[in-house]
PDB file of N, CA and C in Angstrom:
ATOM      1  N   GLN A   1     -24.670  20.137  22.015  1.00  0.00           N
ATOM      2  CA  GLN A   1     -23.841  21.637  22.073  1.00  0.00           C
ATOM      3  C   GLN A   1     -24.269  21.995  23.572  1.00  0.00           C
ATOM      4  N   VAL A   2     -23.462  22.791  24.354  1.00  0.00           N
ATOM      5  CA  VAL A   2     -23.659  23.198  25.560  1.00  0.00           C
ATOM      6  C   VAL A   2     -23.159  24.488  25.880  1.00  0.00           C
ATOM      7  N   GLN A   3     -23.849  25.449  26.338  1.00  0.00           N
ATOM      8  CA  GLN A   3     -22.981  26.822  26.939  1.00  0.00           C
ATOM      9  C   GLN A   3     -22.830  26.578  28.311  1.00  0.00           C
ATOM     10  N   LEU A   4     -21.707  27.341  28.413  1.00  0.00           N
ATOM     11  CA  LEU A   4     -20.855  27.240  29.582  1.00  0.00           C
ATOM     12  C   LEU A   4     -20.499  28.550  30.053  1.00  0.00           C
ATOM     13  N   VAL A   5     -20.763  29.002  31.285  1.00  0.00           N
ATOM     14  CA  VAL A   5     -20.451  30.280  31.949  1.00  0.00           C
ATOM     15  C   VAL A   5     -19.601  30.189  33.031  1.00  0.00           C
ATOM     16  N   GLU A   6     -18.546  30.532  33.036  1.00  0.00           N
ATOM     17  CA  GLU A   6     -17.597  30.693  34.303  1.00  0.00           C
ATOM     18  C   GLU A   6     -17.671  31.731  35.051  1.00  0.00           C
ATOM     19  N   SER A   7     -17.250  31.573  36.406  1.00  0.00           N
ATOM     20  CA  SER A   7     -17.431  32.597  37.148  1.00  0.00           C
ATOM     21  C   SER A   7     -16.593  32.376  38.700  1.00  0.00           C
ATOM     22  N   GLY A   8     -16.076  33.190  39.610  1.00  0.00           N
ATOM     23  CA  GLY A   8     -15.235  33.120  40.459  1.00  0.00           C
ATOM     24  C   GLY A   8     -13.845  33.654  40.455  1.00  0.00           C
ATOM     25  N   GLY A   9     -13.381  33.799  39.368  1.00  0.00           N
ATOM     26  CA  GLY A   9     -11.961  34.701  38.911  1.00  0.00           C
ATOM     27  C   GLY A   9     -11.984  35.970  39.936  1.00  0.00           C
ATOM     28  N   GLY A  10     -10.710  36.253  39.917  1.00  0.00           N
ATOM     29  CA  GLY A  10     -10.631  37.433  40.448  1.00  0.00           C
ATOM     30  C   GLY A  10      -9.022  37.889  40.688  1.00  0.00           C
ATOM     31  N   LEU A  11      -8.773  38.578  41.815  1.00  0.00           N
ATOM     32  CA  LEU A  11      -7.518  39.048  42.302  1.00  0.00           C
ATOM     33  C   LEU A  11      -7.087  38.480  43.690  1.00  0.00           C
ATOM     34  N   VAL A  12      -6.135  37.786  43.924  1.00  0.00           N
ATOM     35  CA  VAL A  12      -5.823  37.025  44.994  1.00  0.00           C
ATOM     36  C   VAL A  12      -4.465  37.134  45.217  1.00  0.00           C
ATOM     37  N   GLN A  13      -3.679  37.219  46.598  1.00  0.00           N
ATOM     38  CA  GLN A  13      -2.617  37.137  46.771  1.00  0.00           C
ATOM     39  C   GLN A  13      -1.834  35.903  46.635  1.00  0.00           C
ATOM     40  N   SER A  14      -0.740  35.742  46.669  1.00  0.00           N
ATOM     41  CA  SER A  14      -0.079  34.428  46.624  1.00  0.00           C
ATOM     42  C   SER A  14      -0.084  33.751  47.686  1.00  0.00           C
ATOM     43  N   GLY A  15      -0.390  32.420  47.780  1.00  0.00           N
ATOM     44  CA  GLY A  15      -0.791  31.545  48.884  1.00  0.00           C
ATOM     45  C   GLY A  15      -2.457  31.411  49.063  1.00  0.00           C
ATOM     46  N   GLY A  16      -2.913  32.485  48.322  1.00  0.00           N
ATOM     47  CA  GLY A  16      -4.421  32.511  48.862  1.00  0.00           C
ATOM     48  C   GLY A  16      -5.468  31.574  47.553  1.00  0.00           C
ATOM     49  N   SER A  17      -6.643  31.310  47.892  1.00  0.00           N
ATOM     50  CA  SER A  17      -7.505  30.343  47.009  1.00  0.00           C
ATOM     51  C   SER A  17      -8.434  31.160  46.436  1.00  0.00           C
ATOM     52  N   LEU A  18      -8.842  30.529  45.375  1.00  0.00           N
ATOM     53  CA  LEU A  18     -10.388  30.766  44.864  1.00  0.00           C
ATOM     54  C   LEU A  18     -10.880  29.383  44.334  1.00  0.00           C
ATOM     55  N   ARG A  19     -12.090  29.651  44.099  1.00  0.00           N
ATOM     56  CA  ARG A  19     -13.064  28.705  43.809  1.00  0.00           C
ATOM     57  C   ARG A  19     -13.730  29.148  42.340  1.00  0.00           C
ATOM     58  N   LEU A  20     -13.130  28.413  41.298  1.00  0.00           N
ATOM     59  CA  LEU A  20     -14.276  28.664  39.955  1.00  0.00           C
ATOM     60  C   LEU A  20     -15.425  27.944  39.833  1.00  0.00           C
ATOM     61  N   SER A  21     -16.212  28.052  39.136  1.00  0.00           N
ATOM     62  CA  SER A  21     -17.499  27.644  38.975  1.00  0.00           C
ATOM     63  C   SER A  21     -17.840  27.669  37.414  1.00  0.00           C
ATOM     64  N   CYS A  22     -18.350  26.615  37.011  1.00  0.00           N
ATOM     65  CA  CYS A  22     -18.569  26.368  35.570  1.00  0.00           C
ATOM     66  C   CYS A  22     -20.022  26.165  35.337  1.00  0.00           C
ATOM     67  N   VAL A  23     -21.096  26.682  35.056  1.00  0.00           N
ATOM     68  CA  VAL A  23     -22.435  26.498  35.022  1.00  0.00           C
ATOM     69  C   VAL A  23     -22.852  26.327  33.414  1.00  0.00           C
ATOM     70  N   ALA A  24     -23.603  24.978  33.100  1.00  0.00           N
ATOM     71  CA  ALA A  24     -23.893  24.615  31.888  1.00  0.00           C
ATOM     72  C   ALA A  24     -25.316  24.667  31.641  1.00  0.00           C
ATOM     73  N   SER A  25     -25.617  25.152  30.249  1.00  0.00           N
ATOM     74  CA  SER A  25     -27.102  25.636  30.015  1.00  0.00           C
ATOM     75  C   SER A  25     -28.031  24.496  30.013  1.00  0.00           C
ATOM     76  N   ARG A  26     -27.274  23.096  29.920  1.00  0.00           N
ATOM     77  CA  ARG A  26     -28.126  21.796  30.145  1.00  0.00           C
ATOM     78  C   ARG A  26     -27.432  20.870  30.758  1.00  0.00           C
ATOM     79  N   SER A  27     -28.037  19.751  31.165  1.00  0.00           N
ATOM     80  CA  SER A  27     -27.650  18.656  31.855  1.00  0.00           C
ATOM     81  C   SER A  27     -26.120  18.378  31.481  1.00  0.00           C
ATOM     82  N   ILE A  28     -25.301  18.096  32.365  1.00  0.00           N
ATOM     83  CA  ILE A  28     -24.075  17.675  31.991  1.00  0.00           C
ATOM     84  C   ILE A  28     -23.835  16.050  32.273  1.00  0.00           C
ATOM     85  N   PHE A  29     -24.802  15.482  32.817  1.00  0.00           N
ATOM     86  CA  PHE A  29     -24.717  14.257  33.402  1.00  0.00           C
ATOM     87  C   PHE A  29     -24.290  13.331  32.042  1.00  0.00           C
ATOM     88  N   SER A  30     -24.662  13.665  30.809  1.00  0.00           N
ATOM     89  CA  SER A  30     -24.216  12.871  29.670  1.00  0.00           C
ATOM     90  C   SER A  30     -23.182  13.237  29.193  1.00  0.00           C
ATOM     91  N   ILE A  31     -22.506  14.198  29.416  1.00  0.00           N
ATOM     92  CA  ILE A  31     -21.165  14.595  28.897  1.00  0.00           C
ATOM     93  C   ILE A  31     -19.982  14.070  29.996  1.00  0.00           C
ATOM     94  N   ASN A  32     -19.320  13.113  29.174  1.00  0.00           N
ATOM     95  CA  ASN A  32     -18.293  12.341  29.837  1.00  0.00           C
ATOM     96  C   ASN A  32     -17.205  13.179  30.469  1.00  0.00           C
ATOM     97  N   LEU A  33     -16.581  13.936  29.790  1.00  0.00           N
ATOM     98  CA  LEU A  33     -15.405  14.455  30.250  1.00  0.00           C
ATOM     99  C   LEU A  33     -15.610  16.129  30.220  1.00  0.00           C
ATOM    100  N   MET A  34     -15.220  16.672  31.271  1.00  0.00           N
ATOM    101  CA  MET A  34     -15.388  17.933  31.327  1.00  0.00           C
ATOM    102  C   MET A  34     -14.223  18.887  31.926  1.00  0.00           C
ATOM    103  N   GLY A  35     -13.590  19.863  31.765  1.00  0.00           N
ATOM    104  CA  GLY A  35     -12.173  20.335  32.026  1.00  0.00           C
ATOM    105  C   GLY A  35     -12.191  21.538  32.187  1.00  0.00           C
ATOM    106  N   TRP A  36     -11.171  22.044  32.796  1.00  0.00           N
ATOM    107  CA  TRP A  36     -10.615  23.291  33.068  1.00  0.00           C
ATOM    108  C   TRP A  36      -9.212  23.509  32.360  1.00  0.00           C
ATOM    109  N   TYR A  37      -9.291  24.789  31.422  1.00  0.00           N
ATOM    110  CA  TYR A  37      -8.048  25.231  30.727  1.00  0.00           C
ATOM    111  C   TYR A  37      -7.503  26.479  31.318  1.00  0.00           C
ATOM    112  N   ARG A  38      -6.426  26.733  30.961  1.00  0.00           N
ATOM    113  CA  ARG A  38      -5.892  28.226  31.198  1.00  0.00           C
ATOM    114  C   ARG A  38      -4.912  28.597  30.060  1.00  0.00           C
ATOM    115  N   GLN A  39      -5.000  29.941  29.665  1.00  0.00           N
ATOM    116  CA  GLN A  39      -4.242  30.601  28.634  1.00  0.00           C
ATOM    117  C   GLN A  39      -3.694  32.002  29.105  1.00  0.00           C
ATOM    118  N   THR A  40      -2.327  32.320  28.856  1.00  0.00           N
ATOM    119  CA  THR A  40      -1.645  33.522  29.216  1.00  0.00           C
ATOM    120  C   THR A  40      -1.590  34.051  27.503  1.00  0.00           C
ATOM    121  N   PRO A  41      -1.500  35.566  27.794  1.00  0.00           N
ATOM    122  CA  PRO A  41      -1.174  35.930  26.320  1.00  0.00           C
ATOM    123  C   PRO A  41      -0.232  35.655  25.581  1.00  0.00           C
ATOM    124  N   GLY A  42      -0.510  35.218  24.368  1.00  0.00           N
ATOM    125  CA  GLY A  42       0.545  34.815  23.348  1.00  0.00           C
ATOM    126  C   GLY A  42       0.946  33.140  23.315  1.00  0.00           C
ATOM    127  N   LYS A  43       0.268  32.673  24.526  1.00  0.00           N
ATOM    128  CA  LYS A  43       0.462  30.958  24.787  1.00  0.00           C
ATOM    129  C   LYS A  43      -0.666  30.274  24.387  1.00  0.00           C
ATOM    130  N   GLN A  44      -0.455  28.946  24.143  1.00  0.00           N
ATOM    131  CA  GLN A  44      -1.642  27.878  23.995  1.00  0.00           C
ATOM    132  C   GLN A  44      -2.292  27.874  25.136  1.00  0.00           C
ATOM    133  N   ARG A  45      -3.405  27.340  24.703  1.00  0.00           N
ATOM    134  CA  ARG A  45      -4.501  27.213  25.976  1.00  0.00           C
ATOM    135  C   ARG A  45      -4.128  25.334  26.745  1.00  0.00           C
ATOM    136  N   ASP A  46      -3.918  25.348  27.592  1.00  0.00           N
ATOM    137  CA  ASP A  46      -3.448  24.318  28.168  1.00  0.00           C
ATOM    138  C   ASP A  46      -4.264  23.482  29.387  1.00  0.00           C
ATOM    139  N   LEU A  47      -4.406  22.221  29.131  1.00  0.00           N
ATOM    140  CA  LEU A  47      -5.210  21.804  30.381  1.00  0.00           C
ATOM    141  C   LEU A  47      -4.743  21.875  31.814  1.00  0.00           C
ATOM    142  N   VAL A  48      -5.798  22.235  32.640  1.00  0.00           N
ATOM    143  CA  VAL A  48      -5.167  22.286  34.144  1.00  0.00           C
ATOM    144  C   VAL A  48      -5.874  20.958  34.694  1.00  0.00           C
ATOM    145  N   ALA A  49      -7.059  20.622  34.482  1.00  0.00           N
ATOM    146  CA  ALA A  49      -7.556  19.485  35.153  1.00  0.00           C
ATOM    147  C   ALA A  49      -8.888  18.964  34.225  1.00  0.00           C
ATOM    148  N   SER A  50      -9.008  17.836  34.442  1.00  0.00           N
ATOM    149  CA  SER A  50     -10.431  17.313  33.919  1.00  0.00           C
ATOM    150  C   SER A  50     -10.979  16.182  34.948  1.00  0.00           C
ATOM    151  N   ILE A  51     -12.163  15.801  34.515  1.00  0.00           N
ATOM    152  CA  ILE A  51     -13.002  14.840  35.020  1.00  0.00           C
ATOM    153  C   ILE A  51     -14.042  14.263  34.300  1.00  0.00           C
ATOM    154  N   THR A  52     -14.094  12.831  34.839  1.00  0.00           N
ATOM    155  CA  THR A  52     -15.092  12.163  33.874  1.00  0.00           C
ATOM    156  C   THR A  52     -16.495  12.070  34.664  1.00  0.00           C
ATOM    157  N   ARG A  53     -17.287  11.466  34.004  1.00  0.00           N
ATOM    158  CA  ARG A  53     -18.759  11.582  34.546  1.00  0.00           C
ATOM    159  C   ARG A  53     -18.853  10.874  35.867  1.00  0.00           C
ATOM    160  N   VAL A  54     -17.921   9.921  36.108  1.00  0.00           N
ATOM    161  CA  VAL A  54     -17.897   9.086  37.169  1.00  0.00           C
ATOM    162  C   VAL A  54     -17.164   9.583  38.295  1.00  0.00           C
ATOM    163  N   GLY A  55     -16.215  10.653  37.824  1.00  0.00           N
ATOM    164  CA  GLY A  55     -15.489  11.344  38.758  1.00  0.00           C
ATOM    165  C   GLY A  55     -13.941  11.201  39.047  1.00  0.00           C
ATOM    166  N   SER A  56     -13.671  10.295  37.643  1.00  0.00           N
ATOM    167  CA  SER A  56     -12.310  10.058  37.499  1.00  0.00           C
ATOM    168  C   SER A  56     -11.578  11.600  37.240  1.00  0.00           C
ATOM    169  N   THR A  57     -10.307  11.631  37.917  1.00  0.00           N
ATOM    170  CA  THR A  57      -9.798  12.983  37.626  1.00  0.00           C
ATOM    171  C   THR A  57      -8.473  12.994  36.821  1.00  0.00           C
ATOM    172  N   ASN A  58      -8.037  13.881  36.439  1.00  0.00           N
ATOM    173  CA  ASN A  58      -6.446  14.160  35.684  1.00  0.00           C
ATOM    174  C   ASN A  58      -6.093  15.535  35.881  1.00  0.00           C
ATOM    175  N   TYR A  59      -4.842  15.870  36.289  1.00  0.00           N
ATOM    176  CA  TYR A  59      -4.408  17.172  36.553  1.00  0.00           C
ATOM    177  C   TYR A  59      -3.075  17.219  35.904  1.00  0.00           C
ATOM    178  N   ALA A  60      -2.855  18.643  35.406  1.00  0.00           N
ATOM    179  CA  ALA A  60      -1.489  18.931  34.804  1.00  0.00           C
ATOM    180  C   ALA A  60      -0.648  18.951  36.103  1.00  0.00           C
ATOM    181  N   ASP A  61       0.703  18.729  35.793  1.00  0.00           N
ATOM    182  CA  ASP A  61       1.770  18.622  36.978  1.00  0.00           C
ATOM    183  C   ASP A  61       1.616  20.046  37.913  1.00  0.00           C
ATOM    184  N   SER A  62       1.541  21.192  37.174  1.00  0.00           N
ATOM    185  CA  SER A  62       1.542  22.349  37.891  1.00  0.00           C
ATOM    186  C   SER A  62       0.404  22.387  38.912  1.00  0.00           C
ATOM    187  N   ALA A  63      -0.497  21.538  38.559  1.00  0.00           N
ATOM    188  CA  ALA A  63      -1.915  21.692  39.561  1.00  0.00           C
ATOM    189  C   ALA A  63      -2.045  20.590  40.354  1.00  0.00           C
ATOM    190  N   GLN A  64      -1.348  19.821  40.193  1.00  0.00           N
ATOM    191  CA  GLN A  64      -1.593  18.480  40.948  1.00  0.00           C
ATOM    192  C   GLN A  64      -0.886  18.896  42.466  1.00  0.00           C
ATOM    193  N   GLY A  65      -1.810  18.254  43.532  1.00  0.00           N
ATOM    194  CA  GLY A  65      -1.443  18.794  44.889  1.00  0.00           C
ATOM    195  C   GLY A  65      -2.268  19.905  45.596  1.00  0.00           C
ATOM    196  N   ARG A  66      -2.460  21.129  44.484  1.00  0.00           N
ATOM    197  CA  ARG A  66      -3.122  22.277  44.932  1.00  0.00           C
ATOM    198  C   ARG A  66      -4.343  22.539  44.499  1.00  0.00           C
ATOM    199  N   PHE A  67      -4.841  21.907  43.091  1.00  0.00           N
ATOM    200  CA  PHE A  67      -5.961  22.226  42.549  1.00  0.00           C
ATOM    201  C   PHE A  67      -6.892  20.819  42.705  1.00  0.00           C
ATOM    202  N   THR A  68      -8.278  21.083  42.794  1.00  0.00           N
ATOM    203  CA  THR A  68      -8.929  20.235  43.127  1.00  0.00           C
ATOM    204  C   THR A  68     -10.233  20.318  41.843  1.00  0.00           C
ATOM    205  N   ILE A  69     -10.561  19.407  41.273  1.00  0.00           N
ATOM    206  CA  ILE A  69     -11.647  19.515  40.087  1.00  0.00           C
ATOM    207  C   ILE A  69     -12.743  18.639  40.727  1.00  0.00           C
ATOM    208  N   SER A  70     -14.081  19.122  40.534  1.00  0.00           N
ATOM    209  CA  SER A  70     -15.203  18.339  40.872  1.00  0.00           C
ATOM    210  C   SER A  70     -16.397  18.595  40.213  1.00  0.00           C
ATOM    211  N   ARG A  71     -17.480  17.745  40.167  1.00  0.00           N
ATOM    212  CA  ARG A  71     -18.314  18.273  39.602  1.00  0.00           C
ATOM    213  C   ARG A  71     -19.775  17.741  40.205  1.00  0.00           C
ATOM    214  N   ASP A  72     -20.677  18.693  39.989  1.00  0.00           N
ATOM    215  CA  ASP A  72     -21.992  18.281  40.612  1.00  0.00           C
ATOM    216  C   ASP A  72     -23.066  18.176  39.555  1.00  0.00           C
ATOM    217  N   ASN A  73     -23.144  16.873  38.869  1.00  0.00           N
ATOM    218  CA  ASN A  73     -24.107  16.608  37.791  1.00  0.00           C
ATOM    219  C   ASN A  73     -25.533  17.240  37.932  1.00  0.00           C
ATOM    220  N   ALA A  74     -26.199  17.100  39.160  1.00  0.00           N
ATOM    221  CA  ALA A  74     -27.615  17.545  39.344  1.00  0.00           C
ATOM    222  C   ALA A  74     -27.472  18.906  39.111  1.00  0.00           C
ATOM    223  N   ARG A  75     -26.601  19.723  39.645  1.00  0.00           N
ATOM    224  CA  ARG A  75     -26.320  21.211  39.398  1.00  0.00           C
ATOM    225  C   ARG A  75     -26.076  21.778  38.280  1.00  0.00           C
ATOM    226  N   ASN A  76     -25.587  20.707  37.360  1.00  0.00           N
ATOM    227  CA  ASN A  76     -25.039  21.156  35.920  1.00  0.00           C
ATOM    228  C   ASN A  76     -23.713  22.164  36.008  1.00  0.00           C
ATOM    229  N   THR A  77     -22.956  21.931  37.200  1.00  0.00           N
ATOM    230  CA  THR A  77     -21.889  22.648  37.477  1.00  0.00           C
ATOM    231  C   THR A  77     -20.586  21.904  37.615  1.00  0.00           C
ATOM    232  N   VAL A  78     -19.531  22.544  37.200  1.00  0.00           N
ATOM    233  CA  VAL A  78     -18.301  21.997  37.439  1.00  0.00           C
ATOM    234  C   VAL A  78     -17.425  22.999  38.211  1.00  0.00           C
ATOM    235  N   TYR A  79     -16.445  22.524  38.876  1.00  0.00           N
ATOM    236  CA  TYR A  79     -15.785  23.568  40.139  1.00  0.00           C
ATOM    237  C   TYR A  79     -14.436  23.340  39.829  1.00  0.00           C
ATOM    238  N   LEU A  80     -13.445  24.141  40.103  1.00  0.00           N
ATOM    239  CA  LEU A  80     -12.107  23.887  40.262  1.00  0.00           C
ATOM    240  C   LEU A  80     -11.784  24.742  41.389  1.00  0.00           C
ATOM    241  N   GLN A  81     -11.462  24.038  42.340  1.00  0.00           N
ATOM    242  CA  GLN A  81     -10.952  24.742  43.854  1.00  0.00           C
ATOM    243  C   GLN A  81      -9.454  24.895  43.572  1.00  0.00           C
ATOM    244  N   MET A  82      -8.896  26.103  44.024  1.00  0.00           N
ATOM    245  CA  MET A  82      -7.500  26.430  43.731  1.00  0.00           C
ATOM    246  C   MET A  82      -6.933  27.104  45.079  1.00  0.00           C
ATOM    247  N   ASN A  83      -5.903  26.283  45.412  1.00  0.00           N
ATOM    248  CA  ASN A  83      -5.368  26.498  46.800  1.00  0.00           C
ATOM    249  C   ASN A  83      -3.843  26.896  46.618  1.00  0.00           C
ATOM    250  N   SER A  84      -3.390  27.529  47.575  1.00  0.00           N
ATOM    251  CA  SER A  84      -1.841  27.638  47.482  1.00  0.00           C
ATOM    252  C   SER A  84      -1.148  28.433  46.002  1.00  0.00           C
ATOM    253  N   LEU A  85      -2.121  29.265  45.587  1.00  0.00           N
ATOM    254  CA  LEU A  85      -2.054  30.069  44.214  1.00  0.00           C
ATOM    255  C   LEU A  85      -0.583  30.771  44.371  1.00  0.00           C
ATOM    256  N   LYS A  86      -0.227  30.849  43.075  1.00  0.00           N
ATOM    257  CA  LYS A  86       1.310  31.252  42.699  1.00  0.00           C
ATOM    258  C   LYS A  86       1.013  32.380  41.760  1.00  0.00           C
ATOM    259  N   PRO A  87       1.811  33.345  41.426  1.00  0.00           N
ATOM    260  CA  PRO A  87       1.931  34.117  40.540  1.00  0.00           C
ATOM    261  C   PRO A  87       1.910  33.711  39.133  1.00  0.00           C
ATOM    262  N   GLU A  88       2.298  32.265  38.950  1.00  0.00           N
ATOM    263  CA  GLU A  88       2.549  31.832  37.628  1.00  0.00           C
ATOM    264  C   GLU A  88       1.002  31.134  37.297  1.00  0.00           C
ATOM    265  N   ASP A  89       0.190  31.237  38.168  1.00  0.00           N
ATOM    266  CA  ASP A  89      -1.311  30.662  37.847  1.00  0.00           C
ATOM    267  C   ASP A  89      -2.001  31.681  37.416  1.00  0.00           C
ATOM    268  N   THR A  90      -1.450  32.844  37.216  1.00  0.00           N
ATOM    269  CA  THR A  90      -2.370  33.911  36.659  1.00  0.00           C
ATOM    270  C   THR A  90      -2.586  33.524  35.199  1.00  0.00           C
ATOM    271  N   ALA A  91      -3.751  33.685  34.746  1.00  0.00           N
ATOM    272  CA  ALA A  91      -4.191  33.379  33.409  1.00  0.00           C
ATOM    273  C   ALA A  91      -5.698  33.700  33.310  1.00  0.00           C
ATOM    274  N   VAL A  92      -6.155  33.481  32.076  1.00  0.00           N
ATOM    275  CA  VAL A  92      -7.515  33.327  31.829  1.00  0.00           C
ATOM    276  C   VAL A  92      -7.976  31.845  32.164  1.00  0.00           C
ATOM    277  N   TYR A  93      -8.896  31.389  32.611  1.00  0.00           N
ATOM    278  CA  TYR A  93      -9.265  29.966  32.934  1.00  0.00           C
ATOM    279  C   TYR A  93     -10.653  29.828  32.356  1.00  0.00           C
ATOM    280  N   PHE A  94     -10.848  28.627  31.693  1.00  0.00           N
ATOM    281  CA  PHE A  94     -11.894  28.448  30.668  1.00  0.00           C
ATOM    282  C   PHE A  94     -12.302  26.946  31.048  1.00  0.00           C
ATOM    283  N   CYS A  95     -13.805  26.835  31.086  1.00  0.00           N
ATOM    284  CA  CYS A  95     -14.246  25.706  31.123  1.00  0.00           C
ATOM    285  C   CYS A  95     -14.581  24.987  30.032  1.00  0.00           C
ATOM    286  N   ALA A  96     -14.489  23.770  29.778  1.00  0.00           N
ATOM    287  CA  ALA A  96     -14.836  22.893  28.435  1.00  0.00           C
ATOM    288  C   ALA A  96     -15.570  21.737  28.814  1.00  0.00           C
ATOM    289  N   ALA A  97     -16.506  21.728  27.733  1.00  0.00           N
ATOM    290  CA  ALA A  97     -17.070  20.089  27.387  1.00  0.00           C
ATOM    291  C   ALA A  97     -16.077  19.598  26.570  1.00  0.00           C
ATOM    292  N   ILE A  98     -15.131  18.799  26.905  1.00  0.00           N
ATOM    293  CA  ILE A  98     -14.033  18.523  25.839  1.00  0.00           C
ATOM    294  C   ILE A  98     -14.467  17.794  24.640  1.00  0.00           C
ATOM    295  N   GLU A  99     -15.223  16.694  25.051  1.00  0.00           N
ATOM    296  CA  GLU A  99     -15.582  16.009  23.992  1.00  0.00           C
ATOM    297  C   GLU A  99     -16.836  16.813  22.789  1.00  0.00           C
ATOM    298  N   PHE A 100     -17.125  17.831  23.278  1.00  0.00           N
ATOM    299  CA  PHE A 100     -18.132  18.318  22.159  1.00  0.00           C
ATOM    300  C   PHE A 100     -17.207  19.422  21.829  1.00  0.00           C
ATOM    301  N   GLY A 101     -16.116  20.028  22.268  1.00  0.00           N
ATOM    302  CA  GLY A 101     -15.189  21.261  21.656  1.00  0.00           C
ATOM    303  C   GLY A 101     -16.029  22.561  22.193  1.00  0.00           C
ATOM    304  N   ASP A 102     -16.805  22.530  23.242  1.00  0.00           N
ATOM    305  CA  ASP A 102     -17.536  23.644  23.500  1.00  0.00           C
ATOM    306  C   ASP A 102     -16.917  24.494  24.864  1.00  0.00           C
ATOM    307  N   TRP A 103     -16.936  25.578  24.704  1.00  0.00           N
ATOM    308  CA  TRP A 103     -16.075  26.147  25.526  1.00  0.00           C
ATOM    309  C   TRP A 103     -16.844  27.607  26.466  1.00  0.00           C
ATOM    310  N   GLY A 104     -16.447  28.131  27.612  1.00  0.00           N
ATOM    311  CA  GLY A 104     -16.789  29.298  28.239  1.00  0.00           C
ATOM    312  C   GLY A 104     -16.220  30.145  27.731  1.00  0.00           C
ATOM    313  N   GLN A 105     -16.805  31.584  28.303  1.00  0.00           N
ATOM    314  CA  GLN A 105     -15.874  32.783  27.673  1.00  0.00           C
ATOM    315  C   GLN A 105     -15.010  33.073  28.663  1.00  0.00           C
ATOM    316  N   GLY A 106     -14.578  32.571  29.690  1.00  0.00           N
ATOM    317  CA  GLY A 106     -13.208  32.453  30.422  1.00  0.00           C
ATOM    318  C   GLY A 106     -13.441  33.591  31.639  1.00  0.00           C
ATOM    319  N   THR A 107     -12.647  33.272  32.595  1.00  0.00           N
ATOM    320  CA  THR A 107     -12.549  34.062  33.678  1.00  0.00           C
ATOM    321  C   THR A 107     -11.153  34.292  34.146  1.00  0.00           C
ATOM    322  N   GLN A 108     -11.209  35.682  34.531  1.00  0.00           N
ATOM    323  CA  GLN A 108      -9.640  36.071  34.747  1.00  0.00           C
ATOM    324  C   GLN A 108      -9.094  35.679  36.118  1.00  0.00           C
ATOM    325  N   VAL A 109      -8.052  35.004  36.229  1.00  0.00           N
ATOM    326  CA  VAL A 109      -7.478  34.793  37.598  1.00  0.00           C
ATOM    327  C   VAL A 109      -5.978  35.613  37.966  1.00  0.00           C
ATOM    328  N   THR A 110      -5.825  36.616  38.595  1.00  0.00           N
ATOM    329  CA  THR A 110      -4.880  37.226  38.831  1.00  0.00           C
ATOM    330  C   THR A 110      -4.024  36.845  40.240  1.00  0.00           C
ATOM    331  N   VAL A 111      -2.713  36.567  40.396  1.00  0.00           N
ATOM    332  CA  VAL A 111      -2.170  36.239  41.360  1.00  0.00           C
ATOM    333  C   VAL A 111      -1.282  37.246  41.709  1.00  0.00           C
ATOM    334  N   SER A 112      -1.357  37.900  42.869  1.00  0.00           N
ATOM    335  CA  SER A 112      -0.316  39.064  42.903  1.00  0.00           C
ATOM    336  C   SER A 112       0.916  38.540  44.095  1.00  0.00           C
ATOM    337  N   SER A 113       1.949  38.859  43.765  1.00  0.00           N
ATOM    338  CA  SER A 113       3.215  38.291  44.559  1.00  0.00           C
ATOM    339  C   SER A 113       3.187  39.094  46.034  1.00  0.00           C
TER     340      SER A 113
END
């Protein structure tokens, strides 16, 4: 089990950028698959991006080309760099240790038009 704490959300104008961080309570070196999900009210939580221990990445179509997921195993941290943000990116973003089913508390991202 691992506790995850997200930060970096906020209010940004359309076209702007944000960098989300997810700090784990223990080493993530042994956790193969880490990811970022997002959720809007009344809808399911959807995968935005994931990354393996060795850095292989996968993106949702909506994130491809605009978002970049990365991880720093030495700092027990996973990042999500979000560029060219759109109002439809507004959501609560959650970090996950996917193979353990552990989630952070989420961080709100709001993109104004």
